[in-house]
């Protein structure tokens, strides 16, 4: 898999983050709110690690 293909997949993941944010806005989420928050935190950590490992200007 080439670098551009990996970057494209990461961008797909990054775009899906908005779905989790919209889900958090739901008032009837209950205890799932904890899981959604955890998923967002982990996604943010992984995206940050990717950005550190593969800086955009190194493309």
N, C-alpha and C. Protein backbone atom coordinates (compact mmCIF):
# COMPACT_ATOMS: atom_id res chain seq x y z
N UNK A 1 0.86 -1.18 0.00
CA UNK A 1 0.00 0.00 0.00
C UNK A 1 0.90 1.24 0.00
N UNK A 2 0.64 2.15 -0.91
CA UNK A 2 1.49 3.33 -0.99
C UNK A 2 1.04 4.40 0.02
N UNK A 3 1.88 5.38 0.18
CA UNK A 3 1.64 6.42 1.18
C UNK A 3 0.35 7.18 0.92
N UNK A 4 0.07 7.47 -0.34
CA UNK A 4 -1.15 8.22 -0.65
C UNK A 4 -2.40 7.43 -0.30
N UNK A 5 -2.39 6.14 -0.52
CA UNK A 5 -3.54 5.31 -0.17
C UNK A 5 -3.77 5.32 1.34
N UNK A 6 -2.68 5.28 2.10
CA UNK A 6 -2.80 5.34 3.56
C UNK A 6 -3.37 6.69 3.98
N UNK A 7 -2.85 7.75 3.38
CA UNK A 7 -3.36 9.09 3.71
C UNK A 7 -4.84 9.22 3.37
N UNK A 8 -5.26 8.65 2.25
CA UNK A 8 -6.67 8.70 1.86
C UNK A 8 -7.54 7.98 2.89
N UNK A 9 -7.09 6.84 3.36
CA UNK A 9 -7.87 6.10 4.36
C UNK A 9 -7.94 6.86 5.68
N UNK A 10 -6.84 7.48 6.06
CA UNK A 10 -6.83 8.28 7.29
C UNK A 10 -7.81 9.44 7.17
N UNK A 11 -7.87 10.05 6.01
CA UNK A 11 -8.81 11.16 5.80
C UNK A 11 -10.26 10.67 5.88
N UNK A 12 -10.52 9.46 5.41
CA UNK A 12 -11.86 8.88 5.56
C UNK A 12 -12.21 8.73 7.03
N UNK A 13 -11.26 8.23 7.80
CA UNK A 13 -11.47 8.07 9.24
C UNK A 13 -11.69 9.43 9.89
N UNK A 14 -10.86 10.39 9.51
CA UNK A 14 -10.97 11.74 10.08
C UNK A 14 -12.35 12.34 9.80
N UNK A 15 -12.89 12.09 8.61
CA UNK A 15 -14.20 12.64 8.26
C UNK A 15 -15.33 11.99 9.05
N UNK A 16 -15.14 10.76 9.47
CA UNK A 16 -16.17 10.06 10.23
C UNK A 16 -16.22 10.51 11.69
N UNK A 17 -15.24 11.29 12.11
CA UNK A 17 -15.22 11.83 13.47
C UNK A 17 -16.46 12.68 13.73
N UNK A 18 -16.92 13.36 12.69
CA UNK A 18 -18.10 14.21 12.81
C UNK A 18 -19.33 13.40 13.22
N UNK A 19 -19.42 12.17 12.79
CA UNK A 19 -20.55 11.31 13.16
C UNK A 19 -20.58 11.12 14.68
N UNK A 20 -19.42 10.88 15.26
CA UNK A 20 -19.34 10.72 16.71
C UNK A 20 -19.71 12.01 17.43
N UNK A 21 -19.28 13.14 16.89
CA UNK A 21 -19.63 14.42 17.51
C UNK A 21 -21.14 14.67 17.47
N UNK A 22 -21.77 14.34 16.35
CA UNK A 22 -23.22 14.50 16.25
C UNK A 22 -23.94 13.55 17.21
N UNK A 23 -23.38 12.37 17.36
CA UNK A 23 -23.97 11.40 18.28
C UNK A 23 -23.94 11.92 19.72
N UNK A 24 -22.88 12.60 20.08
CA UNK A 24 -22.77 13.17 21.43
C UNK A 24 -23.85 14.21 21.70
N UNK A 25 -24.35 14.83 20.67
CA UNK A 25 -25.39 15.86 20.83
C UNK A 25 -26.76 15.27 21.15
N UNK A 26 -26.91 13.96 21.01
CA UNK A 26 -28.20 13.32 21.27
C UNK A 26 -28.48 13.30 22.77
N UNK A 27 -29.63 13.82 23.18
CA UNK A 27 -29.94 13.91 24.62
C UNK A 27 -30.25 12.55 25.26
N UNK A 28 -30.65 11.57 24.46
CA UNK A 28 -31.04 10.27 25.02
C UNK A 28 -29.94 9.22 24.90
N UNK A 29 -28.70 9.64 24.88
CA UNK A 29 -27.58 8.73 24.67
C UNK A 29 -27.30 7.87 25.89
N UNK A 30 -27.60 8.39 27.06
CA UNK A 30 -27.41 7.61 28.29
C UNK A 30 -25.97 7.25 28.53
N UNK A 31 -25.76 6.01 28.98
CA UNK A 31 -24.40 5.58 29.33
C UNK A 31 -23.52 5.36 28.10
N UNK A 32 -24.11 5.33 26.91
CA UNK A 32 -23.29 5.22 25.69
C UNK A 32 -22.42 6.45 25.48
N UNK A 33 -22.79 7.54 26.14
CA UNK A 33 -22.01 8.78 26.05
C UNK A 33 -20.55 8.52 26.45
N UNK A 34 -20.36 7.69 27.46
CA UNK A 34 -19.01 7.36 27.93
C UNK A 34 -18.22 6.67 26.81
N UNK A 35 -18.86 5.72 26.13
CA UNK A 35 -18.19 5.00 25.04
C UNK A 35 -17.88 5.91 23.86
N UNK A 36 -18.80 6.80 23.55
CA UNK A 36 -18.59 7.72 22.43
C UNK A 36 -17.44 8.67 22.76
N UNK A 37 -17.42 9.17 23.99
CA UNK A 37 -16.31 10.03 24.41
C UNK A 37 -14.98 9.30 24.32
N UNK A 38 -14.96 8.06 24.77
CA UNK A 38 -13.74 7.26 24.71
C UNK A 38 -13.30 7.04 23.26
N UNK A 39 -14.24 6.76 22.39
CA UNK A 39 -13.92 6.56 20.98
C UNK A 39 -13.32 7.83 20.37
N UNK A 40 -13.89 8.98 20.72
CA UNK A 40 -13.35 10.25 20.22
C UNK A 40 -11.93 10.50 20.72
N UNK A 41 -11.71 10.24 21.99
CA UNK A 41 -10.38 10.44 22.56
C UNK A 41 -9.36 9.53 21.88
N UNK A 42 -9.71 8.27 21.69
CA UNK A 42 -8.79 7.34 21.06
C UNK A 42 -8.55 7.70 19.59
N UNK A 43 -9.61 8.11 18.90
CA UNK A 43 -9.47 8.51 17.50
C UNK A 43 -8.54 9.72 17.41
N UNK A 44 -8.74 10.70 18.28
CA UNK A 44 -7.90 11.89 18.28
C UNK A 44 -6.44 11.53 18.54
N UNK A 45 -6.21 10.63 19.50
CA UNK A 45 -4.84 10.19 19.80
C UNK A 45 -4.20 9.52 18.59
N UNK A 46 -4.94 8.62 17.95
CA UNK A 46 -4.39 7.92 16.79
C UNK A 46 -4.13 8.86 15.61
N UNK A 47 -5.04 9.80 15.39
CA UNK A 47 -4.84 10.76 14.30
C UNK A 47 -3.63 11.66 14.58
N UNK A 48 -3.46 12.03 15.85
CA UNK A 48 -2.30 12.85 16.22
C UNK A 48 -1.00 12.06 16.00
N UNK A 49 -1.01 10.80 16.41
CA UNK A 49 0.17 9.96 16.19
C UNK A 49 0.48 9.82 14.71
N UNK A 50 -0.54 9.64 13.89
CA UNK A 50 -0.33 9.54 12.45
C UNK A 50 0.28 10.83 11.92
N UNK A 51 -0.29 11.97 12.33
CA UNK A 51 0.21 13.26 11.85
C UNK A 51 1.66 13.49 12.29
N UNK A 52 2.02 13.02 13.47
CA UNK A 52 3.40 13.15 13.92
C UNK A 52 4.33 12.23 13.15
N UNK A 53 3.87 11.03 12.86
CA UNK A 53 4.71 10.06 12.15
C UNK A 53 4.83 10.37 10.66
N UNK A 54 3.78 10.93 10.09
CA UNK A 54 3.75 11.26 8.66
C UNK A 54 3.30 12.70 8.47
N UNK A 55 4.17 13.65 8.73
CA UNK A 55 3.79 15.06 8.58
C UNK A 55 3.29 15.37 7.17
N UNK A 56 2.34 16.26 7.08
CA UNK A 56 1.74 16.60 5.79
C UNK A 56 2.76 17.18 4.82
N UNK A 57 3.73 17.94 5.32
CA UNK A 57 4.70 18.55 4.41
C UNK A 57 5.74 17.57 3.90
N UNK A 58 5.71 16.32 4.44
CA UNK A 58 6.64 15.30 3.96
C UNK A 58 6.07 14.51 2.80
N UNK A 59 4.85 14.84 2.38
CA UNK A 59 4.18 14.09 1.32
C UNK A 59 4.82 14.26 0.00
